[in-house]
Amino acid sequence: MTLLSTLIGGVMGTGVHMFANSVQKVPLSRKPWCHVGYFFFGMYAANYCSKWETALLKEINQARASQGQSPMVGSTVLLPGYNFLKKDE
């Protein structure tokens, strides 16, 4: 999941720079080094958000466990629908 979110973040970062160039009505490839910079910044931001989400989920489950509640539904796996593919042992 982290690799996919990292690549999506990189594409979004590049897209932000290309959108900013199109709004300014300048060529999309103006300052091509900024495409690379925004790509890496988008990768970092998406990776950070993915790790932050996992940390928050762990904190929530710990708080729920201390109150005697069950963990959040689907919190064992971050991929939706994955729990349906698991076979009961």
Protein backbone atom coordinates (compact mmCIF):
# COMPACT_ATOMS: atom_id res chain seq x y z
CA MET A 1 0.00 0.00 0.00
CA THR A 2 2.84 2.37 0.75
CA LEU A 3 4.41 1.93 -2.69
CA LEU A 4 1.11 2.64 -4.40
CA SER A 5 0.40 5.70 -2.26
CA THR A 6 3.95 6.94 -2.85
CA LEU A 7 3.58 6.71 -6.62
CA ILE A 8 0.14 8.33 -6.55
CA GLY A 9 1.55 11.15 -4.41
CA GLY A 10 4.37 11.67 -6.89
CA VAL A 11 1.99 11.85 -9.82
CA MET A 12 -0.22 14.28 -7.89
CA GLY A 13 2.80 16.46 -7.10
CA THR A 14 3.77 16.62 -10.76
CA GLY A 15 0.15 17.29 -11.66
CA VAL A 16 0.04 20.23 -9.26
CA HIS A 17 3.04 21.81 -10.96
CA MET A 18 1.63 21.22 -14.44
CA PHE A 19 -1.74 22.64 -13.36
CA ALA A 20 -0.03 25.72 -11.94
CA ASN A 21 1.78 26.22 -15.25
CA SER A 22 -1.44 25.82 -17.23
CA VAL A 23 -3.27 28.35 -15.04
CA GLN A 24 -0.47 30.83 -15.67
CA LYS A 25 -0.73 30.11 -19.42
CA VAL A 26 2.94 29.18 -19.71
CA PRO A 27 4.32 26.02 -21.34
CA LEU A 28 3.78 22.94 -19.18
CA SER A 29 7.44 21.98 -19.42
CA ARG A 30 8.72 25.32 -18.16
CA LYS A 31 11.26 24.68 -15.36
CA PRO A 32 11.34 20.88 -15.76
CA TRP A 33 13.38 20.47 -12.56
CA CYS A 34 10.29 21.60 -10.64
CA HIS A 35 8.42 18.58 -12.03
CA VAL A 36 10.98 16.36 -10.34
CA GLY A 37 10.92 18.39 -7.14
CA TYR A 38 7.13 18.31 -6.88
CA PHE A 39 7.17 14.59 -7.71
CA PHE A 40 9.49 13.88 -4.77
CA PHE A 41 7.57 16.21 -2.47
CA GLY A 42 4.32 14.45 -3.40
CA MET A 43 5.95 11.08 -2.74
CA TYR A 44 7.13 12.23 0.68
CA ALA A 45 3.74 13.72 1.59
CA ALA A 46 1.79 10.61 0.56
CA ASN A 47 4.20 8.30 2.39
CA TYR A 48 4.02 10.47 5.52
CA CYS A 49 0.19 10.49 5.43
CA SER A 50 0.10 6.71 5.03
CA LYS A 51 2.37 6.17 8.04
CA TRP A 52 0.45 8.78 10.06
CA GLU A 53 -2.84 7.04 9.31
CA THR A 54 -1.40 3.72 10.49
CA ALA A 55 -0.08 5.30 13.70
CA LEU A 56 -3.44 6.94 14.43
CA LEU A 57 -5.23 3.66 13.84
CA LYS A 58 -2.95 1.92 16.34
CA GLU A 59 -3.55 4.67 18.91
CA ILE A 60 -7.32 4.43 18.45
CA ASN A 61 -7.27 0.66 18.86
CA GLN A 62 -5.16 0.98 22.03
CA ALA A 63 -7.59 3.52 23.46
CA ARG A 64 -10.55 1.28 22.58
CA ALA A 65 -8.81 -1.73 24.17
CA SER A 66 -8.20 0.20 27.40
CA GLN A 67 -11.94 0.97 27.55
CA GLY A 68 -12.85 -2.66 26.93
CA GLN A 69 -14.14 -2.14 23.39
CA SER A 70 -13.24 -4.19 20.36
CA PRO A 71 -10.85 -2.80 17.73
CA MET A 72 -12.23 -0.81 14.82
CA VAL A 73 -13.77 -2.93 12.09
CA GLY A 74 -11.27 -3.64 9.32
CA SER A 75 -8.37 -2.14 11.21
CA THR A 76 -6.24 -5.26 10.99
CA VAL A 77 -5.68 -4.69 7.28
CA LEU A 78 -5.72 -1.31 5.58
CA LEU A 79 -6.82 -2.73 2.23
CA PRO A 80 -10.63 -2.67 1.98
CA GLY A 81 -12.22 -6.01 1.20
CA TYR A 82 -9.16 -8.01 2.20
CA ASN A 83 -10.88 -9.47 5.25
CA PHE A 84 -13.41 -11.19 2.99
CA LEU A 85 -10.61 -13.03 1.16
CA LYS A 86 -9.14 -14.49 4.36
CA LYS A 87 -9.93 -18.10 5.04
CA ASP A 88 -10.94 -19.03 8.57
CA GLU A 89 -8.54 -21.44 10.22
